[in-house]
C-alpha atoms as a PDB file:
ATOM      1  CA  MET A   1      -3.034  16.677 -15.504  1.00  0.00           C
ATOM      2  CA  PRO A   2      -4.022  18.782 -12.423  1.00  0.00           C
ATOM      3  CA  LEU A   3      -6.980  16.469 -11.710  1.00  0.00           C
ATOM      4  CA  VAL A   4      -4.843  13.348 -12.034  1.00  0.00           C
ATOM      5  CA  TYR A   5      -2.080  14.852  -9.915  1.00  0.00           C
ATOM      6  CA  ASP A   6      -4.538  15.893  -7.168  1.00  0.00           C
ATOM      7  CA  GLU A   7      -6.035  12.415  -7.065  1.00  0.00           C
ATOM      8  CA  LEU A   8      -2.594  10.787  -6.963  1.00  0.00           C
ATOM      9  CA  ARG A   9      -1.657  13.117  -4.086  1.00  0.00           C
ATOM     10  CA  ARG A  10      -4.827  12.087  -2.219  1.00  0.00           C
ATOM     11  CA  ILE A  11      -3.952   8.409  -2.680  1.00  0.00           C
ATOM     12  CA  ALA A  12      -0.325   8.982  -1.615  1.00  0.00           C
ATOM     13  CA  SER A  13      -1.454  11.002   1.401  1.00  0.00           C
ATOM     14  CA  GLY A  14      -3.590   8.046   2.459  1.00  0.00           C
ATOM     15  CA  TYR A  15      -0.536   5.834   2.322  1.00  0.00           C
ATOM     16  CA  MET A  16       1.603   8.298   4.246  1.00  0.00           C
ATOM     17  CA  LYS A  17      -0.959   8.714   7.038  1.00  0.00           C
ATOM     18  CA  ARG A  18      -0.344   5.051   7.868  1.00  0.00           C
ATOM     19  CA  GLU A  19       3.418   5.573   8.050  1.00  0.00           C
ATOM     20  CA  ARG A  20       5.436   6.668  11.060  1.00  0.00           C
ATOM     21  CA  SER A  21       6.119  10.344  11.622  1.00  0.00           C
ATOM     22  CA  GLY A  22       9.408  11.524  10.120  1.00  0.00           C
ATOM     23  CA  HIS A  23       9.168   9.057   7.240  1.00  0.00           C
ATOM     24  CA  THR A  24      12.002   9.767   4.814  1.00  0.00           C
ATOM     25  CA  LEU A  25       9.817   9.308   1.734  1.00  0.00           C
ATOM     26  CA  GLN A  26       7.656  12.340   0.969  1.00  0.00           C
ATOM     27  CA  THR A  27       4.172  12.365  -0.556  1.00  0.00           C
ATOM     28  CA  THR A  28       5.388  14.418  -3.513  1.00  0.00           C
ATOM     29  CA  ALA A  29       8.167  11.942  -4.214  1.00  0.00           C
ATOM     30  CA  ILE A  30       5.687   9.053  -4.224  1.00  0.00           C
ATOM     31  CA  VAL A  31       3.338  10.912  -6.556  1.00  0.00           C
ATOM     32  CA  ASN A  32       6.128  11.915  -8.943  1.00  0.00           C
ATOM     33  CA  GLU A  33       7.663   8.437  -9.069  1.00  0.00           C
ATOM     34  CA  ALA A  34       4.267   6.781  -9.521  1.00  0.00           C
ATOM     35  CA  TYR A  35       3.368   9.235 -12.302  1.00  0.00           C
ATOM     36  CA  VAL A  36       6.651   8.581 -14.111  1.00  0.00           C
ATOM     37  CA  ARG A  37       6.101   4.831 -13.899  1.00  0.00           C
ATOM     38  CA  LEU A  38       2.480   5.106 -15.036  1.00  0.00           C
ATOM     39  CA  VAL A  39       3.207   7.377 -17.976  1.00  0.00           C
ATOM     40  CA  GLY A  40       6.128   5.194 -19.010  1.00  0.00           C
ATOM     41  CA  GLN A  41       3.931   2.100 -19.433  1.00  0.00           C
ATOM     42  CA  LYS A  42       3.375   1.615 -23.151  1.00  0.00           C
ATOM     43  CA  ALA A  43       1.521  -1.716 -23.216  1.00  0.00           C
ATOM     44  CA  VAL A  44      -1.333  -0.722 -20.876  1.00  0.00           C
ATOM     45  CA  GLN A  45      -4.752  -0.050 -22.337  1.00  0.00           C
ATOM     46  CA  TRP A  46      -6.398   2.287 -19.823  1.00  0.00           C
ATOM     47  CA  ARG A  47     -10.079   1.343 -19.651  1.00  0.00           C
ATOM     48  CA  ASP A  48     -11.163   4.302 -17.600  1.00  0.00           C
ATOM     49  CA  ARG A  49     -10.278   6.623 -14.740  1.00  0.00           C
ATOM     50  CA  THR A  50     -10.854   3.958 -12.087  1.00  0.00           C
ATOM     51  CA  HIS A  51      -8.535   1.522 -13.857  1.00  0.00           C
ATOM     52  CA  PHE A  52      -5.803   4.147 -13.992  1.00  0.00           C
ATOM     53  CA  PHE A  53      -6.057   4.883 -10.255  1.00  0.00           C
ATOM     54  CA  ALA A  54      -6.215   1.159  -9.416  1.00  0.00           C
ATOM     55  CA  VAL A  55      -2.905   0.655 -11.169  1.00  0.00           C
ATOM     56  CA  ALA A  56      -1.570   3.830  -9.496  1.00  0.00           C
ATOM     57  CA  ALA A  57      -2.451   2.443  -6.070  1.00  0.00           C
ATOM     58  CA  SER A  58      -0.597  -0.746  -6.834  1.00  0.00           C
ATOM     59  CA  VAL A  59       2.466   1.200  -8.028  1.00  0.00           C
ATOM     60  CA  MET A  60       2.442   3.323  -4.844  1.00  0.00           C
ATOM     61  CA  ARG A  61       2.156   0.226  -2.660  1.00  0.00           C
ATOM     62  CA  HIS A  62       5.219  -1.238  -4.360  1.00  0.00           C
ATOM     63  CA  LEU A  63       7.144   2.027  -3.979  1.00  0.00           C
ATOM     64  CA  LEU A  64       6.535   2.006  -0.206  1.00  0.00           C
ATOM     65  CA  VAL A  65       7.459  -1.676   0.071  1.00  0.00           C
ATOM     66  CA  ASP A  66      10.672  -1.088  -1.878  1.00  0.00           C
ATOM     67  CA  HIS A  67      11.471   1.851   0.383  1.00  0.00           C
ATOM     68  CA  ALA A  68      10.821  -0.242   3.534  1.00  0.00           C
ATOM     69  CA  ARG A  69      13.084  -2.996   2.208  1.00  0.00           C
ATOM     70  CA  ALA A  70      15.840  -0.504   1.490  1.00  0.00           C
ATOM     71  CA  ARG A  71      15.597   0.911   5.005  1.00  0.00           C
ATOM     72  CA  ARG A  72      15.792  -2.576   6.443  1.00  0.00           C
ATOM     73  CA  ARG A  73      19.002  -3.275   4.523  1.00  0.00           C
ATOM     74  CA  ILE A  74      20.781  -0.286   6.024  1.00  0.00           C
ATOM     75  CA  ARG A  75      23.016  -1.635   8.768  1.00  0.00           C
ATOM     76  CA  ARG A  76      24.556   1.532  10.117  1.00  0.00           C
ATOM     77  CA  GLY A  77      23.516   4.958   8.923  1.00  0.00           C
ATOM     78  CA  ALA A  78      26.445   7.176   8.123  1.00  0.00           C
ATOM     79  CA  GLY A  79      25.524  10.740   8.912  1.00  0.00           C
ATOM     80  CA  ALA A  80      22.199   9.729  10.455  1.00  0.00           C
ATOM     81  CA  HIS A  81      20.949  11.743  13.387  1.00  0.00           C
ATOM     82  CA  ARG A  82      21.154  10.027  16.747  1.00  0.00           C
ATOM     83  CA  ILE A  83      18.029   8.847  18.536  1.00  0.00           C
ATOM     84  CA  SER A  84      17.514   6.658  21.552  1.00  0.00           C
ATOM     85  CA  LEU A  85      17.281   2.903  21.264  1.00  0.00           C
ATOM     86  CA  ASP A  86      13.676   3.073  22.438  1.00  0.00           C
ATOM     87  CA  GLU A  87      12.814   5.395  19.549  1.00  0.00           C
ATOM     88  CA  VAL A  88      14.552   3.089  17.086  1.00  0.00           C
ATOM     89  CA  ALA A  89      12.595   0.097  18.332  1.00  0.00           C
ATOM     90  CA  ILE A  90       9.260   1.886  18.253  1.00  0.00           C
ATOM     91  CA  VAL A  91       9.506   4.185  15.237  1.00  0.00           C
ATOM     92  CA  SER A  92      11.914   2.898  12.621  1.00  0.00           C
ATOM     93  CA  VAL A  93      11.637  -0.841  12.694  1.00  0.00           C
ATOM     94  CA  GLN A  94       8.006  -1.244  13.647  1.00  0.00           C
ATOM     95  CA  LYS A  95       6.455   0.637  10.745  1.00  0.00           C
ATOM     96  CA  SER A  96       8.873  -0.766   8.175  1.00  0.00           C
ATOM     97  CA  GLU A  97       8.225  -4.266   9.486  1.00  0.00           C
ATOM     98  CA  GLU A  98       4.448  -3.645   9.358  1.00  0.00           C
ATOM     99  CA  VAL A  99       4.640  -2.580   5.710  1.00  0.00           C
ATOM    100  CA  LEU A 100       6.749  -5.609   4.843  1.00  0.00           C
ATOM    101  CA  ALA A 101       4.480  -7.963   6.810  1.00  0.00           C
ATOM    102  CA  LEU A 102       1.401  -6.551   5.051  1.00  0.00           C
ATOM    103  CA  ASP A 103       3.098  -6.916   1.680  1.00  0.00           C
ATOM    104  CA  ALA A 104       4.072 -10.514   2.445  1.00  0.00           C
ATOM    105  CA  ALA A 105       0.517 -11.283   3.560  1.00  0.00           C
ATOM    106  CA  LEU A 106      -0.914  -9.689   0.427  1.00  0.00           C
ATOM    107  CA  ASN A 107       1.491 -11.675  -1.745  1.00  0.00           C
ATOM    108  CA  LYS A 108       0.419 -14.873   0.024  1.00  0.00           C
ATOM    109  CA  LEU A 109      -3.252 -13.942  -0.435  1.00  0.00           C
ATOM    110  CA  ASP A 110      -2.562 -13.220  -4.098  1.00  0.00           C
ATOM    111  CA  GLU A 111      -1.601 -16.870  -4.579  1.00  0.00           C
ATOM    112  CA  ILE A 112      -4.954 -17.929  -3.105  1.00  0.00           C
ATOM    113  CA  ASP A 113      -7.301 -15.227  -4.397  1.00  0.00           C
ATOM    114  CA  PRO A 114      -5.917 -12.404  -6.574  1.00  0.00           C
ATOM    115  CA  ARG A 115      -9.266 -10.598  -6.693  1.00  0.00           C
ATOM    116  CA  LYS A 116      -9.247 -10.098  -2.935  1.00  0.00           C
ATOM    117  CA  VAL A 117      -5.821  -8.454  -3.212  1.00  0.00           C
ATOM    118  CA  LYS A 118      -7.119  -6.089  -5.885  1.00  0.00           C
ATOM    119  CA  ILE A 119     -10.060  -5.211  -3.618  1.00  0.00           C
ATOM    120  CA  VAL A 120      -7.682  -4.485  -0.730  1.00  0.00           C
ATOM    121  CA  GLU A 121      -5.488  -2.307  -2.944  1.00  0.00           C
ATOM    122  CA  LEU A 122      -8.455  -0.377  -4.271  1.00  0.00           C
ATOM    123  CA  ARG A 123     -10.338   0.017  -0.992  1.00  0.00           C
ATOM    124  CA  TYR A 124      -7.493   0.367   1.523  1.00  0.00           C
ATOM    125  CA  PHE A 125      -4.685   1.922  -0.460  1.00  0.00           C
ATOM    126  CA  SER A 126      -6.637   3.940  -3.044  1.00  0.00           C
ATOM    127  CA  GLY A 127      -9.553   4.782  -0.805  1.00  0.00           C
ATOM    128  CA  LEU A 128     -12.103   3.850  -3.451  1.00  0.00           C
ATOM    129  CA  SER A 129     -15.667   3.136  -2.383  1.00  0.00           C
ATOM    130  CA  ALA A 130     -17.237  -0.292  -2.747  1.00  0.00           C
ATOM    131  CA  LYS A 131     -19.126   0.979  -5.815  1.00  0.00           C
ATOM    132  CA  GLU A 132     -15.978   2.381  -7.461  1.00  0.00           C
ATOM    133  CA  THR A 133     -14.122  -0.827  -6.695  1.00  0.00           C
ATOM    134  CA  ALA A 134     -16.930  -2.908  -8.175  1.00  0.00           C
ATOM    135  CA  ASP A 135     -16.828  -0.785 -11.338  1.00  0.00           C
ATOM    136  CA  ALA A 136     -13.056  -1.151 -11.617  1.00  0.00           C
ATOM    137  CA  LEU A 137     -13.198  -4.948 -11.240  1.00  0.00           C
ATOM    138  CA  ASP A 138     -16.423  -5.385 -13.218  1.00  0.00           C
ATOM    139  CA  VAL A 139     -18.186  -7.222 -10.390  1.00  0.00           C
ATOM    140  CA  SER A 140     -21.226  -6.401  -8.239  1.00  0.00           C
ATOM    141  CA  GLU A 141     -20.963  -4.082  -5.266  1.00  0.00           C
ATOM    142  CA  ILE A 142     -22.181  -6.795  -2.893  1.00  0.00           C
ATOM    143  CA  THR A 143     -19.372  -9.084  -4.154  1.00  0.00           C
ATOM    144  CA  VAL A 144     -16.855  -6.370  -3.322  1.00  0.00           C
ATOM    145  CA  LYS A 145     -18.311  -5.905   0.168  1.00  0.00           C
ATOM    146  CA  ARG A 146     -18.329  -9.655   0.850  1.00  0.00           C
ATOM    147  CA  GLU A 147     -14.798 -10.162  -0.492  1.00  0.00           C
ATOM    148  CA  TRP A 148     -13.554  -7.072   1.410  1.00  0.00           C
ATOM    149  CA  LEU A 149     -14.774  -8.552   4.706  1.00  0.00           C
ATOM    150  CA  LYS A 150     -13.192 -11.923   3.934  1.00  0.00           C
ATOM    151  CA  ALA A 151      -9.905 -10.314   2.889  1.00  0.00           C
ATOM    152  CA  LYS A 152      -9.739  -8.198   6.069  1.00  0.00           C
ATOM    153  CA  ALA A 153     -10.413 -11.252   8.231  1.00  0.00           C
ATOM    154  CA  TRP A 154      -7.801 -13.312   6.367  1.00  0.00           C
ATOM    155  CA  LEU A 155      -5.193 -10.545   6.612  1.00  0.00           C
ATOM    156  CA  TYR A 156      -5.920  -9.990  10.311  1.00  0.00           C
ATOM    157  CA  ARG A 157      -5.447 -13.698  11.008  1.00  0.00           C
ATOM    158  CA  GLU A 158      -2.293 -13.802   8.906  1.00  0.00           C
ATOM    159  CA  LEU A 159      -0.746 -10.699  10.485  1.00  0.00           C
ATOM    160  CA  THR A 160      -1.602 -11.619  14.085  1.00  0.00           C
ATOM    161  CA  GLN A 161      -0.750 -15.289  13.789  1.00  0.00           C
ATOM    162  CA  GLY A 162       1.298 -16.207  16.808  1.00  0.00           C
ATOM    163  CA  THR A 163       0.913 -12.814  18.492  1.00  0.00           C
ATOM    164  CA  ILE A 164      -2.531 -13.577  19.935  1.00  0.00           C
ATOM    165  CA  ASP A 165      -1.279 -16.728  21.678  1.00  0.00           C
ATOM    166  CA  GLU A 166       1.685 -14.827  23.153  1.00  0.00           C
ATOM    167  CA  ALA A 167      -0.453 -12.081  24.703  1.00  0.00           C
END
């Protein structure tokens, strides 16, 4: 349990580093919720350690996306502390929108090439190496590296579509 918990904390910390400062969801909460969801899965046959952490990364990604969606639904925050409109535009909305945009892009990519999405989840969100990712997906390391590059290029194009022309 301590080894699993430490690794889940490392993965969650990686997620939280990409979030805005003052994020209302704490690393410990992500780890605890992910652990509860993982332990509660009865039908999963865990192949190995890498498989477990691959599923954990996916669960954590969905937790953050759900949290971003919930924040977006809040119209007016009762009891919320006051901040300037500039701070709201830069801090609150931007990061939530980035998470939601990335999730939408990953969902779109999943329709085209699910393996690329798994590679992104394992490499970007879980922080696994190309070798660990290859082992988890039962493919060669060079395939992971090639697919990783293609996935990053596809996501970049998808996420910046329309913003490059405007600049």
